[in-house]
Amino acid sequence: MFERFTEPARRVVVLAQEDARERGDQSIGSEHLLLALCGAGGTPGAGLLAAQGVTAAAVEADLRRGERPGGPDLPDREALASVGIDLDEVRGRIEDAFGPGALENTRAAGRGRRRLWGHIPFEPGAKKALEYSLREAVRRGDRSLGTEHLVLGLLHEETGRASTLLRARGLTLEGMRAVWPPAM
């Protein structure tokens, strides 16, 4: 399947693998593909996402909040705020001291040992996203699969966290198909 990928689309897959490795994740999820797409500046897919307000910083923030504004830690956030503790400020200070994502890479956050080398498998949702990307390219009659097809692939519901994040920001598959220029 990867032989049909454009060079930028291949680079996105490699960046997703690197992101998963840096986070200590044992597999590549659709959220890693989304983050890699956002970071692939100058590509059609990154342009489509940026035009809709989806940036790497926004996705990172959504992931920290648990995929939706307020996130699952809202009751804890309110309890801490009632005693004068701003959870966002605490997280910010920890990340200033220990680096971005420091809290996500702890054992308490459910992270195991970091995978420093070797193959990192794709989660089922990420596999589905790649499969749907190929289907989107075929549907449009395109000969190669680019970053813009990856965006469309991530918008299918069965692709995991990326789909949830994008839908929470108001993006839909039909809407993105409409804003993407028609096939030549």
N, C-alpha and C. Protein backbone atom coordinates (compact mmCIF):
# COMPACT_ATOMS: atom_id res chain seq x y z
N MET A 1 0.82 -1.19 0.00
CA MET A 1 0.00 0.00 0.00
C MET A 1 0.87 1.26 0.00
N PHE A 2 2.01 1.25 0.71
CA PHE A 2 2.82 2.45 0.85
C PHE A 2 3.49 2.90 -0.44
N GLU A 3 3.53 2.02 -1.44
CA GLU A 3 4.12 2.42 -2.72
C GLU A 3 3.30 3.51 -3.41
N ARG A 4 2.04 3.64 -3.07
CA ARG A 4 1.19 4.68 -3.67
C ARG A 4 1.26 6.01 -2.93
N PHE A 5 1.93 6.04 -1.78
CA PHE A 5 2.03 7.26 -0.98
C PHE A 5 3.00 8.23 -1.63
N THR A 6 2.64 9.52 -1.59
CA THR A 6 3.58 10.56 -2.01
C THR A 6 4.68 10.65 -0.95
N GLU A 7 5.77 11.30 -1.28
CA GLU A 7 6.85 11.45 -0.30
C GLU A 7 6.38 12.18 0.97
N PRO A 8 5.63 13.28 0.86
CA PRO A 8 5.13 13.92 2.09
C PRO A 8 4.23 13.00 2.93
N ALA A 9 3.40 12.17 2.29
CA ALA A 9 2.53 11.26 3.03
C ALA A 9 3.37 10.19 3.73
N ARG A 10 4.42 9.71 3.08
CA ARG A 10 5.31 8.76 3.73
C ARG A 10 5.99 9.40 4.94
N ARG A 11 6.40 10.65 4.76
CA ARG A 11 7.05 11.37 5.85
C ARG A 11 6.11 11.50 7.05
N VAL A 12 4.82 11.71 6.79
CA VAL A 12 3.85 11.81 7.88
C VAL A 12 3.80 10.50 8.67
N VAL A 13 3.83 9.37 7.97
CA VAL A 13 3.80 8.08 8.65
C VAL A 13 5.06 7.90 9.51
N VAL A 14 6.21 8.30 8.96
CA VAL A 14 7.46 8.21 9.72
C VAL A 14 7.41 9.13 10.94
N LEU A 15 6.90 10.35 10.76
CA LEU A 15 6.79 11.29 11.88
C LEU A 15 5.82 10.77 12.95
N ALA A 16 4.76 10.09 12.53
CA ALA A 16 3.81 9.51 13.48
C ALA A 16 4.51 8.43 14.31
N GLN A 17 5.33 7.63 13.66
CA GLN A 17 6.08 6.60 14.37
C GLN A 17 7.05 7.24 15.37
N GLU A 18 7.73 8.29 14.94
CA GLU A 18 8.66 8.98 15.83
C GLU A 18 7.93 9.60 17.02
N ASP A 19 6.75 10.16 16.76
CA ASP A 19 5.97 10.76 17.84
C ASP A 19 5.56 9.70 18.85
N ALA A 20 5.08 8.57 18.37
CA ALA A 20 4.69 7.48 19.27
C ALA A 20 5.89 7.03 20.10
N ARG A 21 7.04 6.90 19.45
CA ARG A 21 8.26 6.47 20.14
C ARG A 21 8.65 7.50 21.22
N GLU A 22 8.63 8.78 20.87
CA GLU A 22 9.00 9.83 21.83
C GLU A 22 8.07 9.86 23.03
N ARG A 23 6.81 9.55 22.81
CA ARG A 23 5.84 9.55 23.91
C ARG A 23 5.90 8.26 24.73
N GLY A 24 6.65 7.29 24.25
CA GLY A 24 6.73 6.02 24.95
C GLY A 24 5.53 5.14 24.69
N ASP A 25 4.78 5.42 23.65
CA ASP A 25 3.61 4.61 23.32
C ASP A 25 4.06 3.32 22.64
N GLN A 26 3.31 2.27 22.88
CA GLN A 26 3.67 0.97 22.33
C GLN A 26 3.09 0.73 20.94
N SER A 27 2.26 1.66 20.47
CA SER A 27 1.69 1.53 19.13
C SER A 27 1.41 2.92 18.56
N ILE A 28 1.22 2.95 17.25
CA ILE A 28 0.93 4.21 16.56
C ILE A 28 -0.58 4.33 16.43
N GLY A 29 -1.13 5.37 17.03
CA GLY A 29 -2.56 5.61 16.95
C GLY A 29 -2.88 6.67 15.92
N SER A 30 -4.14 6.82 15.64
CA SER A 30 -4.56 7.83 14.66
C SER A 30 -4.21 9.23 15.13
N GLU A 31 -4.13 9.44 16.46
CA GLU A 31 -3.75 10.75 16.97
C GLU A 31 -2.30 11.09 16.62
N HIS A 32 -1.44 10.06 16.52
CA HIS A 32 -0.06 10.30 16.10
C HIS A 32 -0.03 10.73 14.63
N LEU A 33 -0.87 10.10 13.81
CA LEU A 33 -0.95 10.49 12.40
C LEU A 33 -1.46 11.93 12.28
N LEU A 34 -2.45 12.29 13.09
CA LEU A 34 -3.01 13.65 13.05
C LEU A 34 -1.95 14.67 13.46
N LEU A 35 -1.23 14.39 14.53
CA LEU A 35 -0.17 15.31 14.96
C LEU A 35 0.90 15.46 13.89
N ALA A 36 1.27 14.35 13.26
CA ALA A 36 2.28 14.39 12.21
C ALA A 36 1.78 15.20 11.01
N LEU A 37 0.51 15.03 10.66
CA LEU A 37 -0.07 15.82 9.57
C LEU A 37 -0.04 17.31 9.88
N CYS A 38 -0.39 17.66 11.10
CA CYS A 38 -0.38 19.07 11.49
C CYS A 38 1.03 19.65 11.40
N GLY A 39 2.01 18.82 11.67
CA GLY A 39 3.39 19.28 11.64
C GLY A 39 4.05 19.22 10.28
N ALA A 40 3.33 18.71 9.29
CA ALA A 40 3.89 18.56 7.94
C ALA A 40 3.61 19.83 7.14
N GLY A 41 4.18 20.93 7.59
CA GLY A 41 3.94 22.23 6.95
C GLY A 41 4.21 22.21 5.46
N GLY A 42 3.43 22.99 4.75
CA GLY A 42 3.60 23.10 3.31
C GLY A 42 2.96 21.99 2.52
N THR A 43 2.25 21.09 3.18
CA THR A 43 1.57 20.01 2.45
C THR A 43 0.08 20.33 2.35
N PRO A 44 -0.58 19.77 1.34
CA PRO A 44 -2.02 20.02 1.21
C PRO A 44 -2.83 19.61 2.45
N GLY A 45 -2.47 18.48 3.05
CA GLY A 45 -3.20 18.03 4.24
C GLY A 45 -3.04 18.98 5.40
N ALA A 46 -1.82 19.44 5.64
CA ALA A 46 -1.59 20.40 6.72
C ALA A 46 -2.34 21.70 6.44
N GLY A 47 -2.38 22.10 5.17
CA GLY A 47 -3.11 23.30 4.80
C GLY A 47 -4.61 23.17 5.04
N LEU A 48 -5.16 22.01 4.69
CA LEU A 48 -6.58 21.76 4.94
C LEU A 48 -6.90 21.86 6.43
N LEU A 49 -6.06 21.24 7.24
CA LEU A 49 -6.29 21.25 8.68
C LEU A 49 -6.12 22.66 9.26
N ALA A 50 -5.06 23.34 8.85
CA ALA A 50 -4.80 24.69 9.37
C ALA A 50 -5.94 25.64 9.01
N ALA A 51 -6.49 25.50 7.82
CA ALA A 51 -7.60 26.35 7.39
C ALA A 51 -8.83 26.15 8.27
N GLN A 52 -8.91 25.01 8.92
CA GLN A 52 -10.03 24.71 9.82
C GLN A 52 -9.66 24.94 11.28
N GLY A 53 -8.47 25.52 11.51
CA GLY A 53 -8.04 25.81 12.87
C GLY A 53 -7.44 24.64 13.62
N VAL A 54 -7.10 23.58 12.89
CA VAL A 54 -6.51 22.40 13.52
C VAL A 54 -4.99 22.48 13.37
N THR A 55 -4.31 22.74 14.48
CA THR A 55 -2.86 22.83 14.51
C THR A 55 -2.32 21.79 15.49
N ALA A 56 -1.02 21.57 15.44
CA ALA A 56 -0.40 20.62 16.36
C ALA A 56 -0.65 21.06 17.81
N ALA A 57 -0.52 22.36 18.08
CA ALA A 57 -0.75 22.86 19.44
C ALA A 57 -2.19 22.61 19.89
N ALA A 58 -3.14 22.82 18.99
CA ALA A 58 -4.55 22.59 19.34
C ALA A 58 -4.81 21.12 19.61
N VAL A 59 -4.24 20.24 18.79
CA VAL A 59 -4.43 18.80 18.98
C VAL A 59 -3.79 18.36 20.30
N GLU A 60 -2.58 18.85 20.58
CA GLU A 60 -1.92 18.52 21.84
C GLU A 60 -2.80 18.94 23.02
N ALA A 61 -3.35 20.14 22.95
CA ALA A 61 -4.21 20.62 24.03
C ALA A 61 -5.45 19.75 24.17
N ASP A 62 -6.04 19.35 23.05
CA ASP A 62 -7.21 18.48 23.09
C ASP A 62 -6.86 17.13 23.71
N LEU A 63 -5.70 16.61 23.36
CA LEU A 63 -5.29 15.32 23.92
C LEU A 63 -5.07 15.43 25.43
N ARG A 64 -4.49 16.53 25.87
CA ARG A 64 -4.29 16.73 27.32
C ARG A 64 -5.62 16.84 28.06
N ARG A 65 -6.61 17.43 27.40
CA ARG A 65 -7.93 17.60 28.03
C ARG A 65 -8.78 16.34 27.93
N GLY A 66 -8.33 15.36 27.21
CA GLY A 66 -9.12 14.14 27.09
C GLY A 66 -10.07 14.17 25.93
N GLU A 67 -9.72 14.89 24.85
CA GLU A 67 -10.43 14.89 23.57
C GLU A 67 -11.60 15.85 23.48
N ARG A 68 -11.98 16.50 24.56
CA ARG A 68 -13.07 17.46 24.44
C ARG A 68 -12.89 18.55 25.48
N PRO A 69 -13.40 19.72 25.20
CA PRO A 69 -13.26 20.80 26.18
C PRO A 69 -13.80 20.37 27.54
N GLY A 70 -13.05 20.66 28.57
CA GLY A 70 -13.45 20.23 29.91
C GLY A 70 -12.81 18.91 30.25
N GLY A 71 -12.77 17.98 29.31
CA GLY A 71 -12.11 16.70 29.49
C GLY A 71 -12.68 15.89 30.63
N PRO A 72 -12.17 14.66 30.79
CA PRO A 72 -12.68 13.78 31.83
C PRO A 72 -12.27 14.19 33.23
N ASP A 73 -11.25 15.08 33.36
CA ASP A 73 -10.82 15.45 34.70
C ASP A 73 -11.54 16.70 35.21
N LEU A 74 -12.65 17.07 34.61
CA LEU A 74 -13.37 18.27 35.01
C LEU A 74 -13.75 18.27 36.49
N PRO A 75 -14.31 17.20 37.06
CA PRO A 75 -14.63 17.25 38.49
C PRO A 75 -13.39 17.50 39.34
N ASP A 76 -12.26 16.87 39.03
CA ASP A 76 -11.02 17.10 39.77
C ASP A 76 -10.55 18.53 39.58
N ARG A 77 -10.69 19.05 38.37
CA ARG A 77 -10.28 20.42 38.06
C ARG A 77 -11.09 21.39 38.93
N GLU A 78 -12.39 21.17 39.04
CA GLU A 78 -13.24 22.05 39.85
C GLU A 78 -12.90 21.95 41.33
N ALA A 79 -12.61 20.74 41.80
CA ALA A 79 -12.26 20.56 43.20
C ALA A 79 -10.96 21.29 43.52
N LEU A 80 -9.97 21.18 42.64
CA LEU A 80 -8.70 21.87 42.86
C LEU A 80 -8.89 23.39 42.79
N ALA A 81 -9.70 23.85 41.85
CA ALA A 81 -9.95 25.29 41.72
C ALA A 81 -10.62 25.84 42.98
N SER A 82 -11.45 25.04 43.62
CA SER A 82 -12.15 25.51 44.82
C SER A 82 -11.19 25.78 45.98
N VAL A 83 -9.99 25.19 45.92
CA VAL A 83 -8.98 25.46 46.96
C VAL A 83 -7.84 26.30 46.41
N GLY A 84 -8.07 26.96 45.26
CA GLY A 84 -7.11 27.91 44.72
C GLY A 84 -6.01 27.32 43.87
N ILE A 85 -6.18 26.10 43.37
CA ILE A 85 -5.16 25.48 42.53
C ILE A 85 -5.63 25.46 41.08
N ASP A 86 -4.85 26.07 40.20
CA ASP A 86 -5.16 26.11 38.77
C ASP A 86 -4.41 24.95 38.10
N LEU A 87 -5.16 23.92 37.70
CA LEU A 87 -4.57 22.72 37.12
C LEU A 87 -3.75 23.04 35.86
N ASP A 88 -4.23 23.95 35.02
CA ASP A 88 -3.49 24.30 33.82
C ASP A 88 -2.15 24.95 34.16
N GLU A 89 -2.14 25.79 35.21
CA GLU A 89 -0.89 26.42 35.62
C GLU A 89 0.09 25.38 36.17
N VAL A 90 -0.41 24.42 36.93
CA VAL A 90 0.44 23.35 37.46
C VAL A 90 1.04 22.55 36.31
N ARG A 91 0.19 22.16 35.35
CA ARG A 91 0.69 21.41 34.19
C ARG A 91 1.71 22.22 33.42
N GLY A 92 1.44 23.51 33.24
CA GLY A 92 2.37 24.37 32.52
C GLY A 92 3.73 24.45 33.20
N ARG A 93 3.72 24.59 34.51
CA ARG A 93 4.98 24.66 35.25
C ARG A 93 5.75 23.35 35.18
N ILE A 94 5.04 22.23 35.25
CA ILE A 94 5.70 20.93 35.14
C ILE A 94 6.32 20.77 33.76
N GLU A 95 5.59 21.17 32.72
CA GLU A 95 6.13 21.06 31.37
C GLU A 95 7.28 22.03 31.15
N ASP A 96 7.24 23.21 31.79
CA ASP A 96 8.37 24.13 31.70
C ASP A 96 9.62 23.51 32.31
N ALA A 97 9.43 22.83 33.43
CA ALA A 97 10.56 22.25 34.14
C ALA A 97 11.07 20.95 33.51
N PHE A 98 10.14 20.11 33.03
CA PHE A 98 10.52 18.77 32.58
C PHE A 98 10.30 18.52 31.10
N GLY A 99 9.73 19.49 30.39
CA GLY A 99 9.52 19.35 28.96
C GLY A 99 8.09 19.02 28.61
N PRO A 100 7.72 19.31 27.34
CA PRO A 100 6.35 19.05 26.88
C PRO A 100 5.97 17.58 27.02
N GLY A 101 4.77 17.33 27.47
CA GLY A 101 4.27 15.96 27.58
C GLY A 101 4.81 15.21 28.79
N ALA A 102 5.47 15.91 29.72
CA ALA A 102 6.09 15.24 30.87
C ALA A 102 5.07 14.42 31.67
N LEU A 103 3.88 14.93 31.83
CA LEU A 103 2.86 14.20 32.61
C LEU A 103 2.31 12.99 31.86
N GLU A 104 2.29 13.08 30.54
CA GLU A 104 1.74 11.97 29.77
C GLU A 104 2.68 10.78 29.72
N ASN A 105 3.96 11.00 29.99
CA ASN A 105 4.95 9.93 29.88
C ASN A 105 5.28 9.28 31.22
N THR A 106 4.41 9.43 32.20
CA THR A 106 4.65 8.84 33.51
C THR A 106 3.95 7.49 33.62
N ARG A 107 4.40 6.70 34.58
CA ARG A 107 3.71 5.43 34.82
C ARG A 107 2.27 5.67 35.26
N ALA A 108 2.06 6.75 36.02
CA ALA A 108 0.70 7.07 36.49
C ALA A 108 -0.22 7.37 35.31
N ALA A 109 0.35 7.89 34.22
CA ALA A 109 -0.46 8.18 33.03
C ALA A 109 -0.66 6.92 32.19
N GLY A 110 -0.15 5.80 32.65
CA GLY A 110 -0.35 4.55 31.93
C GLY A 110 0.71 4.26 30.90
N ARG A 111 1.82 4.94 30.96
CA ARG A 111 2.88 4.70 30.00
C ARG A 111 3.86 3.68 30.55
N GLY A 112 4.27 2.79 29.72
CA GLY A 112 5.28 1.82 30.10
C GLY A 112 6.65 2.31 29.71
N ARG A 113 7.56 1.39 29.54
CA ARG A 113 8.91 1.75 29.10
C ARG A 113 8.89 2.25 27.68
N ARG A 114 9.74 3.20 27.39
CA ARG A 114 9.83 3.74 26.04
C ARG A 114 10.46 2.72 25.10
N ARG A 115 9.94 2.68 23.90
CA ARG A 115 10.49 1.85 22.86
C ARG A 115 11.53 2.70 22.13
N LEU A 116 12.79 2.38 22.30
CA LEU A 116 13.84 3.21 21.72
C LEU A 116 14.20 2.83 20.29
N TRP A 117 13.85 1.66 19.87
CA TRP A 117 14.16 1.22 18.51
C TRP A 117 13.17 0.14 18.11
N GLY A 118 13.26 -0.27 16.85
CA GLY A 118 12.41 -1.36 16.37
C GLY A 118 11.06 -0.89 15.87
N HIS A 119 10.34 -1.85 15.38
CA HIS A 119 9.03 -1.60 14.78
C HIS A 119 8.00 -1.27 15.85
N ILE A 120 7.20 -0.26 15.58
CA ILE A 120 6.06 0.06 16.44
C ILE A 120 4.82 -0.23 15.60
N PRO A 121 3.95 -1.12 16.07
CA PRO A 121 2.78 -1.48 15.27
C PRO A 121 1.73 -0.37 15.25
N PHE A 122 0.88 -0.41 14.25
CA PHE A 122 -0.24 0.51 14.15
C PHE A 122 -1.42 -0.04 14.95
N GLU A 123 -2.11 0.86 15.65
CA GLU A 123 -3.36 0.48 16.31
C GLU A 123 -4.40 0.24 15.23
N PRO A 124 -5.46 -0.51 15.55
CA PRO A 124 -6.51 -0.76 14.55
C PRO A 124 -7.09 0.52 13.93
N GLY A 125 -7.30 1.56 14.75
CA GLY A 125 -7.84 2.82 14.22
C GLY A 125 -6.91 3.48 13.22
N ALA A 126 -5.63 3.43 13.49
CA ALA A 126 -4.65 4.01 12.56
C ALA A 126 -4.59 3.21 11.26
N LYS A 127 -4.68 1.89 11.39
CA LYS A 127 -4.72 1.04 10.18
C LYS A 127 -5.95 1.39 9.34
N LYS A 128 -7.08 1.56 10.01
CA LYS A 128 -8.31 1.93 9.31
C LYS A 128 -8.15 3.28 8.62
N ALA A 129 -7.52 4.24 9.29
CA ALA A 129 -7.31 5.56 8.71
C ALA A 129 -6.49 5.46 7.42
N LEU A 130 -5.45 4.64 7.44
CA LEU A 130 -4.63 4.46 6.24
C LEU A 130 -5.42 3.77 5.13
N GLU A 131 -6.22 2.79 5.52
CA GLU A 131 -7.06 2.09 4.54
C GLU A 131 -8.09 3.05 3.92
N TYR A 132 -8.74 3.85 4.76
CA TYR A 132 -9.71 4.81 4.25
C TYR A 132 -9.04 5.89 3.40
N SER A 133 -7.81 6.24 3.73
CA SER A 133 -7.07 7.21 2.91
C SER A 133 -6.88 6.67 1.51
N LEU A 134 -6.51 5.41 1.41
CA LEU A 134 -6.36 4.78 0.09
C LEU A 134 -7.70 4.75 -0.64
N ARG A 135 -8.75 4.42 0.07
CA ARG A 135 -10.09 4.41 -0.55
C ARG A 135 -10.49 5.79 -1.05
N GLU A 136 -10.13 6.83 -0.28
CA GLU A 136 -10.44 8.20 -0.71
C GLU A 136 -9.68 8.55 -1.99
N ALA A 137 -8.44 8.12 -2.08
CA ALA A 137 -7.66 8.38 -3.30
C ALA A 137 -8.28 7.66 -4.50
N VAL A 138 -8.66 6.40 -4.30
CA VAL A 138 -9.29 5.63 -5.37
C VAL A 138 -10.63 6.25 -5.75
N ARG A 139 -11.41 6.64 -4.76
CA ARG A 139 -12.73 7.26 -4.99
C ARG A 139 -12.61 8.50 -5.87
N ARG A 140 -11.54 9.27 -5.65
CA ARG A 140 -11.32 10.50 -6.42
C ARG A 140 -10.64 10.24 -7.76
N GLY A 141 -10.15 9.02 -7.96
CA GLY A 141 -9.45 8.71 -9.20
C GLY A 141 -8.01 9.20 -9.21
N ASP A 142 -7.45 9.44 -8.02
CA ASP A 142 -6.07 9.90 -7.93
C ASP A 142 -5.11 8.71 -8.00
N ARG A 143 -3.97 8.91 -8.64
CA ARG A 143 -2.98 7.84 -8.81
C ARG A 143 -2.13 7.63 -7.57
N SER A 144 -1.99 8.67 -6.76
CA SER A 144 -1.16 8.55 -5.56
C SER A 144 -1.96 9.02 -4.34
N LEU A 145 -1.45 8.64 -3.18
CA LEU A 145 -2.10 8.97 -1.93
C LEU A 145 -1.27 10.07 -1.26
N GLY A 146 -1.87 11.24 -1.08
CA GLY A 146 -1.18 12.38 -0.48
C GLY A 146 -1.68 12.68 0.91
N THR A 147 -1.12 13.72 1.47
CA THR A 147 -1.49 14.11 2.84
C THR A 147 -2.96 14.50 2.94
N GLU A 148 -3.51 15.04 1.85
CA GLU A 148 -4.93 15.41 1.86
C GLU A 148 -5.82 14.17 1.97
N HIS A 149 -5.39 13.05 1.39
CA HIS A 149 -6.14 11.80 1.53
C HIS A 149 -6.07 11.29 2.97
N LEU A 150 -4.90 11.51 3.61
CA LEU A 150 -4.76 11.10 5.01
C LEU A 150 -5.75 11.85 5.90
N VAL A 151 -5.93 13.13 5.62
CA VAL A 151 -6.90 13.92 6.39
C VAL A 151 -8.29 13.30 6.25
N LEU A 152 -8.67 13.02 5.02
CA LEU A 152 -9.99 12.43 4.79
C LEU A 152 -10.11 11.07 5.46
N GLY A 153 -9.05 10.27 5.40
CA GLY A 153 -9.06 8.96 6.04
C GLY A 153 -9.27 9.05 7.54
N LEU A 154 -8.67 10.07 8.16
CA LEU A 154 -8.81 10.24 9.61
C LEU A 154 -10.21 10.67 10.03
N LEU A 155 -10.98 11.20 9.10
CA LEU A 155 -12.33 11.68 9.43
C LEU A 155 -13.38 10.58 9.47
N HIS A 156 -13.04 9.39 9.03
CA HIS A 156 -13.98 8.27 9.13
C HIS A 156 -14.12 7.88 10.60
N GLU A 157 -15.32 7.53 11.01
CA GLU A 157 -15.61 7.29 12.42
C GLU A 157 -14.80 6.17 13.06
N GLU A 158 -14.44 5.16 12.32
CA GLU A 158 -13.78 3.98 12.91
C GLU A 158 -12.29 4.17 13.11
N THR A 159 -11.79 5.39 13.01
CA THR A 159 -10.35 5.58 13.04
C THR A 159 -9.80 5.97 14.41
N GLY A 160 -10.62 6.01 15.41
CA GLY A 160 -10.11 6.23 16.76
C GLY A 160 -10.07 7.69 17.20
N ARG A 161 -9.05 8.01 17.99
CA ARG A 161 -8.98 9.32 18.66
C ARG A 161 -8.95 10.48 17.70
N ALA A 162 -8.26 10.36 16.57
CA ALA A 162 -8.17 11.48 15.63
C ALA A 162 -9.55 11.87 15.13
N SER A 163 -10.37 10.90 14.81
CA SER A 163 -11.72 11.18 14.34
C SER A 163 -12.51 11.92 15.41
N THR A 164 -12.39 11.47 16.64
CA THR A 164 -13.09 12.11 17.75
C THR A 164 -12.63 13.56 17.94
N LEU A 165 -11.31 13.76 17.87
CA LEU A 165 -10.76 15.11 18.02
C LEU A 165 -11.25 16.03 16.91
N LEU A 166 -11.21 15.54 15.68
CA LEU A 166 -11.61 16.36 14.54
C LEU A 166 -13.10 16.67 14.57
N ARG A 167 -13.92 15.69 14.91
CA ARG A 167 -15.37 15.92 15.00
C ARG A 167 -15.69 16.91 16.11
N ALA A 168 -14.94 16.83 17.23
CA ALA A 168 -15.17 17.78 18.34
C ALA A 168 -14.87 19.21 17.89
N ARG A 169 -14.04 19.37 16.89
CA ARG A 169 -13.71 20.69 16.35
C ARG A 169 -14.63 21.07 15.18
N GLY A 170 -15.64 20.24 14.93
CA GLY A 170 -16.63 20.56 13.90
C GLY A 170 -16.29 20.09 12.50
N LEU A 171 -15.23 19.33 12.33
CA LEU A 171 -14.88 18.83 11.00
C LEU A 171 -15.65 17.55 10.70
N THR A 172 -16.11 17.45 9.48
CA THR A 172 -16.79 16.23 9.03
C THR A 172 -16.17 15.78 7.73
N LEU A 173 -16.35 14.52 7.42
CA LEU A 173 -15.84 13.97 6.17
C LEU A 173 -16.46 14.70 4.98
N GLU A 174 -17.76 14.87 5.01
CA GLU A 174 -18.45 15.54 3.90
C GLU A 174 -17.99 16.99 3.76
N GLY A 175 -17.84 17.65 4.89
CA GLY A 175 -17.39 19.04 4.88
C GLY A 175 -15.99 19.19 4.30
N MET A 176 -15.09 18.30 4.66
CA MET A 176 -13.72 18.39 4.14
C MET A 176 -13.67 18.00 2.68
N ARG A 177 -14.49 17.06 2.29
CA ARG A 177 -14.54 16.73 0.85
C ARG A 177 -15.00 17.94 0.06
N ALA A 178 -15.91 18.72 0.62
CA ALA A 178 -16.45 19.89 -0.06
C ALA A 178 -15.42 21.01 -0.20
N VAL A 179 -14.54 21.19 0.81
CA VAL A 179 -13.57 22.28 0.74
C VAL A 179 -12.31 21.89 -0.02
N TRP A 180 -12.11 20.60 -0.21
CA TRP A 180 -10.93 20.15 -0.95
C TRP A 180 -11.19 20.33 -2.44
N PRO A 181 -10.28 20.90 -3.18
CA PRO A 181 -10.50 21.11 -4.62
C PRO A 181 -10.84 19.80 -5.32
N PRO A 182 -11.72 19.86 -6.29
CA PRO A 182 -12.11 18.64 -7.01
C PRO A 182 -10.95 18.04 -7.77
N ALA A 183 -11.05 16.75 -8.03
CA ALA A 183 -10.00 16.02 -8.79
C ALA A 183 -9.86 16.61 -10.17
N MET A 184 -8.65 16.61 -10.68
CA MET A 184 -8.39 17.15 -12.02
C MET A 184 -8.70 16.12 -13.10
